[in-house]
Amino acid sequence: MLYLALFVLTFGCYYAFKGKISALSFEPLSFKNKGSQNLTYALLFAASLVSIICTLMILASILFEAMKFFSTQSFTNFFLSFHWAPHDAFLGKDGSFGSLGLFFGTFYISLIAVLTAFPLGIFTAIYLSQYCSKQKRAYLKPFLEILAGVPSVVYGFFAAIFVAPIVVSMAEFFGLDASHNNALSAGLVMSVMITPMIASLCDDTLCQVPKKLHYGALSLGLSKEESIIFAVLPPAMPGIIAACLLGLSRALGETMIVVMAASLRVNFSLNPLEDMTTVTVKIVEVLSGDQEFDNPLTLSAFALGITLFAITFVINFIAVLISRAYQRKYKIANL
């Protein structure tokens, strides 16, 4: 990676001094020496190239291994089957790599998380930015940011030791059967994990909305609640959507909470009190085994990874379209 960074830096410097990036819309710097300006442009251009090239290399490596998997396994079975039984190949049978059950568990647990985290995060941000006093905000805001940085393994212990027994006890109280490892416990704790991040980012976005919009709505006779709904939230919607999307992405990629609270079993069930697993957990399980690297079971992890990447990319793309629609409507280019 160091050699790649040095190569990209040299590449960027070369093109900068050759004048190839002069067409980019950089504002002129206050350096009297033209060479200093070119060097600054070259460093910035090289830094941006490093991140882009690293992303492309990661994507290419996953895609290359996924293509090996699909060259030996059925493409249709992988995307349209719920039966995940790759170990059947060691018993003399044909191994099955149906991934629908894994993706169902991923989205089901994430759905439980976001249904709780989205409203809690947005309401918390509204309170911090519109109702909270400066003294309270000085304590609550850093506390939220600390919670957002807690490792997921800590939340996993919290889910397995504290939340799961409460869920099982509540289910027994109502006469329901609940597994100790269940999707509801994992989803609830996952919502606790992503709520501080969503709240913090939404609060930053709401604080950047011009105060004159809020005051103007109040001067027209709207109540404080109405002014927040009709004057403050719409311009901040691109940032709120981005914050919610970031929380959803973290929920989709979460591993430790699911391992410790929702088990490793592939299960297609709408009952949140049953155990199930996710794509990321199965990737970790497959790659932590002792199989050969060119084994179909090992290569299936890359197929799952590239599929999850594609799904996340589509979600990102839809969110960008929604954000741009709000930006055009309210003529706010950046918040």
Protein backbone atom coordinates (compact mmCIF):
# COMPACT_ATOMS: atom_id res chain seq x y z
CA MET A 1 0.00 0.00 0.00
CA LEU A 2 2.93 2.34 0.72
CA TYR A 3 4.35 1.76 -2.75
CA LEU A 4 0.91 2.41 -4.25
CA ALA A 5 0.61 5.69 -2.36
CA LEU A 6 4.07 6.79 -3.51
CA PHE A 7 3.23 5.90 -7.10
CA VAL A 8 -0.03 7.84 -6.98
CA LEU A 9 1.72 10.82 -5.39
CA THR A 10 4.37 10.82 -8.11
CA PHE A 11 1.68 10.45 -10.77
CA GLY A 12 -0.27 13.39 -9.39
CA CYS A 13 2.80 15.60 -9.10
CA TYR A 14 3.79 14.84 -12.66
CA TYR A 15 0.43 15.84 -14.08
CA ALA A 16 0.25 18.89 -11.85
CA PHE A 17 3.53 20.27 -13.11
CA LYS A 18 2.61 19.41 -16.68
CA GLY A 19 -0.49 21.57 -16.27
CA LYS A 20 -2.97 18.75 -16.81
CA ILE A 21 -5.13 19.63 -13.84
CA SER A 22 -5.25 23.35 -14.49
CA ALA A 23 -8.76 22.90 -15.89
CA LEU A 24 -10.07 21.84 -12.48
CA SER A 25 -12.08 24.50 -10.69
CA PHE A 26 -9.57 25.36 -7.95
CA GLU A 27 -9.57 28.84 -6.51
CA PRO A 28 -6.18 30.56 -6.80
CA LEU A 29 -4.14 30.41 -3.60
CA SER A 30 -2.37 33.37 -2.08
CA PHE A 31 1.07 32.00 -2.84
CA LYS A 32 3.39 34.28 -4.79
CA ASN A 33 5.38 31.31 -6.04
CA LYS A 34 3.63 29.42 -8.84
CA GLY A 35 5.55 26.28 -7.96
CA SER A 36 4.02 26.26 -4.48
CA GLN A 37 0.55 26.38 -5.98
CA ASN A 38 1.32 23.50 -8.33
CA LEU A 39 2.75 21.46 -5.47
CA THR A 40 -0.36 22.06 -3.37
CA TYR A 41 -2.62 21.06 -6.23
CA ALA A 42 -0.52 17.96 -6.83
CA LEU A 43 -0.68 16.85 -3.20
CA LEU A 44 -4.45 17.31 -3.05
CA PHE A 45 -4.95 15.55 -6.37
CA ALA A 46 -2.71 12.64 -5.29
CA ALA A 47 -4.56 12.30 -1.98
CA SER A 48 -7.89 12.05 -3.78
CA LEU A 49 -6.44 9.49 -6.21
CA VAL A 50 -5.21 7.28 -3.35
CA SER A 51 -8.71 6.91 -1.88
CA ILE A 52 -10.29 6.29 -5.28
CA ILE A 53 -7.70 3.74 -6.36
CA CYS A 54 -7.87 1.90 -3.02
CA THR A 55 -11.66 1.65 -3.34
CA LEU A 56 -11.39 0.33 -6.89
CA MET A 57 -8.75 -2.21 -5.87
CA ILE A 58 -10.91 -3.50 -3.01
CA LEU A 59 -13.89 -3.80 -5.34
CA ALA A 60 -11.82 -5.53 -8.02
CA SER A 61 -10.36 -8.07 -5.58
CA ILE A 62 -13.81 -9.00 -4.25
CA LEU A 63 -15.29 -9.14 -7.75
CA PHE A 64 -12.46 -11.33 -9.07
CA GLU A 65 -12.98 -13.95 -6.34
CA ALA A 66 -16.77 -13.76 -6.72
CA MET A 67 -16.41 -14.55 -10.42
CA LYS A 68 -14.48 -17.69 -9.47
CA PHE A 69 -17.39 -18.73 -7.27
CA PHE A 70 -20.02 -18.16 -9.97
CA SER A 71 -17.92 -20.07 -12.49
CA THR A 72 -18.53 -23.25 -10.46
CA GLN A 73 -21.90 -22.57 -8.78
CA SER A 74 -25.33 -21.78 -10.10
CA PHE A 75 -26.07 -18.07 -10.38
CA THR A 76 -29.81 -18.73 -10.16
CA ASN A 77 -29.54 -20.95 -7.09
CA PHE A 78 -27.46 -18.36 -5.26
CA PHE A 79 -29.94 -15.50 -5.74
CA LEU A 80 -33.27 -17.35 -5.82
CA SER A 81 -32.89 -20.11 -3.23
CA PHE A 82 -33.36 -20.04 0.55
CA HIS A 83 -31.44 -23.28 1.14
CA TRP A 84 -27.94 -22.63 2.49
CA ALA A 85 -26.18 -25.97 3.03
CA PRO A 86 -22.63 -25.76 1.63
CA HIS A 87 -21.36 -28.53 3.92
CA ASP A 88 -23.45 -31.08 2.02
CA ALA A 89 -20.61 -31.18 -0.49
CA PHE A 90 -18.44 -32.92 2.13
CA LEU A 91 -21.12 -35.61 2.53
CA GLY A 92 -21.11 -36.58 -1.13
CA LYS A 93 -24.08 -34.38 -2.02
CA ASP A 94 -24.32 -31.18 -4.02
CA GLY A 95 -23.70 -28.19 -1.80
CA SER A 96 -26.40 -25.50 -1.83
CA PHE A 97 -25.53 -21.82 -1.64
CA GLY A 98 -28.94 -20.14 -1.59
CA SER A 99 -28.42 -16.67 -0.13
CA LEU A 100 -32.00 -15.39 0.16
CA GLY A 101 -32.28 -16.59 3.75
CA LEU A 102 -29.10 -14.72 4.69
CA PHE A 103 -30.22 -11.48 3.06
CA PHE A 104 -33.65 -11.85 4.61
CA GLY A 105 -32.08 -12.06 8.08
CA THR A 106 -29.85 -9.10 7.31
CA PHE A 107 -32.70 -6.83 6.26
CA TYR A 108 -35.11 -8.13 8.90
CA ILE A 109 -32.78 -7.36 11.81
CA SER A 110 -31.79 -4.05 10.20
CA LEU A 111 -35.48 -3.18 9.78
CA ILE A 112 -36.09 -3.72 13.50
CA ALA A 113 -33.12 -1.47 14.22
CA VAL A 114 -34.01 1.41 11.89
CA LEU A 115 -37.69 1.45 12.85
CA THR A 116 -36.52 2.36 16.34
CA ALA A 117 -33.35 4.33 15.59
CA PHE A 118 -34.65 6.66 12.86
CA PRO A 119 -37.43 8.36 14.88
CA LEU A 120 -35.37 8.38 18.09
CA GLY A 121 -32.35 9.86 16.34
CA ILE A 122 -34.31 12.55 14.49
CA PHE A 123 -36.38 13.52 17.55
CA THR A 124 -33.23 13.71 19.67
CA ALA A 125 -31.60 15.97 17.08
CA ILE A 126 -34.67 18.23 17.00
CA TYR A 127 -34.59 18.53 20.78
CA LEU A 128 -30.86 19.32 20.86
CA SER A 129 -31.02 21.93 18.10
CA GLN A 130 -34.37 23.60 18.79
CA TYR A 131 -35.39 23.09 22.43
CA CYS A 132 -32.30 22.25 24.48
CA SER A 133 -30.54 25.02 26.40
CA LYS A 134 -26.86 25.71 25.78
CA GLN A 135 -25.92 24.34 29.21
CA LYS A 136 -27.68 21.02 28.65
CA ARG A 137 -26.42 20.79 25.09
CA ALA A 138 -22.84 21.18 26.30
CA TYR A 139 -23.24 17.90 28.20
CA LEU A 140 -25.62 15.93 25.98
CA LYS A 141 -23.84 16.44 22.66
CA PRO A 142 -20.44 15.04 23.79
CA PHE A 143 -22.25 12.17 25.52
CA LEU A 144 -23.97 11.25 22.24
CA GLU A 145 -20.67 11.33 20.38
CA ILE A 146 -19.09 9.07 23.01
CA LEU A 147 -21.93 6.57 22.64
CA ALA A 148 -21.48 6.64 18.86
CA GLY A 149 -17.87 5.51 19.29
CA VAL A 150 -18.53 2.54 21.62
CA PRO A 151 -17.24 -0.71 20.03
CA SER A 152 -19.94 -3.02 18.73
CA VAL A 153 -18.64 -5.94 20.82
CA VAL A 154 -19.71 -4.02 23.94
CA TYR A 155 -23.21 -3.74 22.54
CA GLY A 156 -23.05 -7.46 21.75
CA PHE A 157 -22.38 -8.30 25.40
CA PHE A 158 -25.19 -5.94 26.41
CA ALA A 159 -27.58 -7.72 24.04
CA ALA A 160 -26.63 -11.24 25.12
CA ILE A 161 -26.45 -10.67 28.88
CA PHE A 162 -29.08 -8.00 29.53
CA VAL A 163 -31.54 -7.52 26.66
CA ALA A 164 -32.07 -11.12 25.51
CA PRO A 165 -33.14 -12.42 28.97
CA ILE A 166 -35.62 -9.53 29.28
CA VAL A 167 -37.09 -10.32 25.84
CA VAL A 168 -37.42 -14.01 26.74
CA SER A 169 -39.07 -13.18 30.08
CA MET A 170 -41.52 -10.77 28.44
CA ALA A 171 -42.39 -13.38 25.80
CA GLU A 172 -43.02 -16.02 28.47
CA PHE A 173 -45.23 -13.55 30.37
CA PHE A 174 -47.46 -13.25 27.29
CA GLY A 175 -47.38 -17.01 26.65
CA LEU A 176 -45.00 -16.85 23.66
CA ASP A 177 -41.99 -19.03 22.91
CA ALA A 178 -38.77 -17.10 22.45
CA SER A 179 -35.27 -18.31 21.77
CA HIS A 180 -32.52 -16.85 23.91
CA ASN A 181 -30.80 -15.89 20.68
CA ASN A 182 -33.46 -13.93 18.82
CA ALA A 183 -33.68 -11.28 16.12
CA LEU A 184 -35.60 -8.84 18.32
CA SER A 185 -32.80 -8.53 20.88
CA ALA A 186 -30.20 -8.00 18.17
CA GLY A 187 -32.35 -5.42 16.37
CA LEU A 188 -33.13 -3.44 19.53
CA VAL A 189 -29.50 -3.26 20.63
CA MET A 190 -28.45 -2.41 17.08
CA SER A 191 -30.87 0.52 17.20
CA VAL A 192 -29.23 1.66 20.45
CA MET A 193 -25.88 1.52 18.67
CA ILE A 194 -26.84 3.60 15.61
CA THR A 195 -29.18 6.10 17.29
CA PRO A 196 -26.39 8.33 18.73
CA MET A 197 -24.69 8.54 15.34
CA ILE A 198 -27.92 9.46 13.57
CA ALA A 199 -28.83 11.99 16.27
CA SER A 200 -25.41 13.65 16.19
CA LEU A 201 -25.32 13.98 12.40
CA CYS A 202 -28.93 15.19 12.19
CA ASP A 203 -28.22 17.75 14.92
CA ASP A 204 -25.24 19.11 12.96
CA THR A 205 -27.47 19.42 9.89
CA LEU A 206 -30.32 21.17 11.71
CA CYS A 207 -27.92 23.64 13.32
CA GLN A 208 -26.71 24.68 9.86
CA VAL A 209 -30.19 25.67 8.67
CA PRO A 210 -30.34 29.50 8.54
CA LYS A 211 -32.07 30.92 11.60
CA LYS A 212 -33.94 33.41 9.44
CA LEU A 213 -36.10 30.58 8.08
CA HIS A 214 -37.22 29.67 11.59
CA TYR A 215 -37.73 33.28 12.67
CA GLY A 216 -39.54 34.11 9.45
CA ALA A 217 -42.01 31.27 10.02
CA LEU A 218 -42.58 32.47 13.59
CA SER A 219 -43.20 36.03 12.38
CA LEU A 220 -45.91 34.73 10.03
CA GLY A 221 -47.83 33.35 12.98
CA LEU A 222 -46.73 29.73 12.98
CA SER A 223 -46.14 28.00 16.28
CA LYS A 224 -42.69 26.74 17.16
CA GLU A 225 -43.63 23.16 16.30
CA GLU A 226 -45.13 24.22 12.95
CA SER A 227 -42.08 26.32 12.09
CA ILE A 228 -39.81 23.33 12.77
CA ILE A 229 -41.95 21.03 10.59
CA PHE A 230 -42.46 23.42 7.66
CA ALA A 231 -39.42 25.72 7.75
CA VAL A 232 -36.52 23.88 9.41
CA LEU A 233 -36.88 20.19 8.55
CA PRO A 234 -37.37 20.46 4.75
CA PRO A 235 -34.09 22.31 4.04
CA ALA A 236 -32.25 19.93 6.37
CA MET A 237 -33.72 16.83 4.74
CA PRO A 238 -30.66 16.01 2.57
CA GLY A 239 -28.45 15.85 5.65
CA ILE A 240 -31.06 13.89 7.61
CA ILE A 241 -31.36 11.36 4.78
CA ALA A 242 -27.57 11.02 4.67
CA ALA A 243 -27.44 10.45 8.43
CA CYS A 244 -30.17 7.81 8.30
CA LEU A 245 -28.45 6.13 5.37
CA LEU A 246 -25.18 5.99 7.28
CA GLY A 247 -27.01 4.39 10.21
CA LEU A 248 -28.64 1.86 7.88
CA SER A 249 -25.29 1.01 6.31
CA ARG A 250 -23.78 0.37 9.72
CA ALA A 251 -26.76 -1.81 10.65
CA LEU A 252 -26.41 -3.84 7.44
CA GLY A 253 -22.72 -4.42 8.10
CA GLU A 254 -22.96 -5.20 11.81
CA THR A 255 -21.52 -8.54 12.88
CA MET A 256 -20.72 -8.81 16.59
CA ILE A 257 -24.21 -8.02 17.89
CA VAL A 258 -25.76 -10.64 15.61
CA VAL A 259 -23.16 -13.27 16.52
CA MET A 260 -23.72 -12.78 20.25
CA ALA A 261 -27.49 -12.17 20.26
CA ALA A 262 -29.08 -13.72 17.14
CA SER A 263 -27.05 -16.94 16.52
CA LEU A 264 -25.48 -18.37 13.34
CA ARG A 265 -28.46 -20.31 11.97
CA VAL A 266 -29.96 -19.35 8.60
CA ASN A 267 -33.68 -18.98 9.22
CA PHE A 268 -36.43 -17.57 7.01
CA SER A 269 -39.08 -16.55 9.52
CA LEU A 270 -41.13 -13.45 10.25
CA ASN A 271 -41.11 -14.24 13.96
CA PRO A 272 -38.65 -11.83 15.64
CA LEU A 273 -38.44 -14.14 18.66
CA GLU A 274 -36.64 -16.80 16.64
CA ASP A 275 -32.92 -16.96 15.95
CA MET A 276 -31.46 -16.01 12.57
CA THR A 277 -28.23 -14.74 11.09
CA THR A 278 -27.00 -12.17 8.58
CA VAL A 279 -24.71 -11.96 5.57
CA THR A 280 -21.78 -10.41 7.43
CA VAL A 281 -21.88 -13.06 10.15
CA LYS A 282 -21.83 -15.81 7.55
CA ILE A 283 -18.89 -14.15 5.79
CA VAL A 284 -16.91 -14.15 9.03
CA GLU A 285 -17.88 -17.77 9.74
CA VAL A 286 -16.83 -18.93 6.27
CA LEU A 287 -13.50 -17.09 6.18
CA SER A 288 -12.55 -18.17 9.71
CA GLY A 289 -12.71 -21.86 8.83
CA ASP A 290 -9.90 -24.18 7.76
CA GLN A 291 -11.05 -24.70 4.16
CA GLU A 292 -8.79 -24.07 1.20
CA PHE A 293 -9.02 -20.61 -0.29
CA ASP A 294 -10.24 -21.89 -3.66
CA ASN A 295 -12.96 -23.97 -1.99
CA PRO A 296 -16.52 -23.00 -3.07
CA LEU A 297 -17.46 -22.43 0.59
CA THR A 298 -14.64 -19.90 1.01
CA LEU A 299 -15.37 -18.21 -2.32
CA SER A 300 -19.03 -17.87 -1.35
CA ALA A 301 -17.97 -15.20 1.15
CA PHE A 302 -16.82 -12.99 -1.73
CA ALA A 303 -20.06 -13.60 -3.61
CA LEU A 304 -22.01 -12.53 -0.53
CA GLY A 305 -19.75 -9.51 -0.10
CA ILE A 306 -20.10 -8.23 -3.67
CA THR A 307 -23.88 -8.70 -3.51
CA LEU A 308 -24.11 -6.75 -0.27
CA PHE A 309 -21.92 -4.06 -1.82
CA ALA A 310 -24.25 -3.80 -4.81
CA ILE A 311 -27.31 -3.53 -2.56
CA THR A 312 -25.66 -0.82 -0.46
CA PHE A 313 -24.67 1.03 -3.64
CA VAL A 314 -28.26 1.02 -4.86
CA ILE A 315 -29.47 2.35 -1.49
CA ASN A 316 -26.84 5.09 -1.64
CA PHE A 317 -27.84 6.00 -5.17
CA ILE A 318 -31.53 6.28 -4.27
CA ALA A 319 -30.66 8.42 -1.24
CA VAL A 320 -28.56 10.75 -3.41
CA LEU A 321 -31.46 11.19 -5.82
CA ILE A 322 -33.81 12.04 -2.95
CA SER A 323 -31.31 14.48 -1.47
CA ARG A 324 -30.82 16.24 -4.79
CA ALA A 325 -34.57 16.53 -5.23
CA TYR A 326 -34.82 18.33 -1.89
CA GLN A 327 -31.82 20.51 -2.74
CA ARG A 328 -33.40 21.64 -6.00
CA LYS A 329 -36.72 22.28 -4.30
CA TYR A 330 -35.28 24.46 -1.56
CA LYS A 331 -32.30 25.75 -3.54
CA ILE A 332 -29.81 24.68 -0.92
CA ALA A 333 -26.67 23.25 -2.46
CA ASN A 334 -24.96 22.26 0.78
CA LEU A 335 -25.86 21.97 4.42
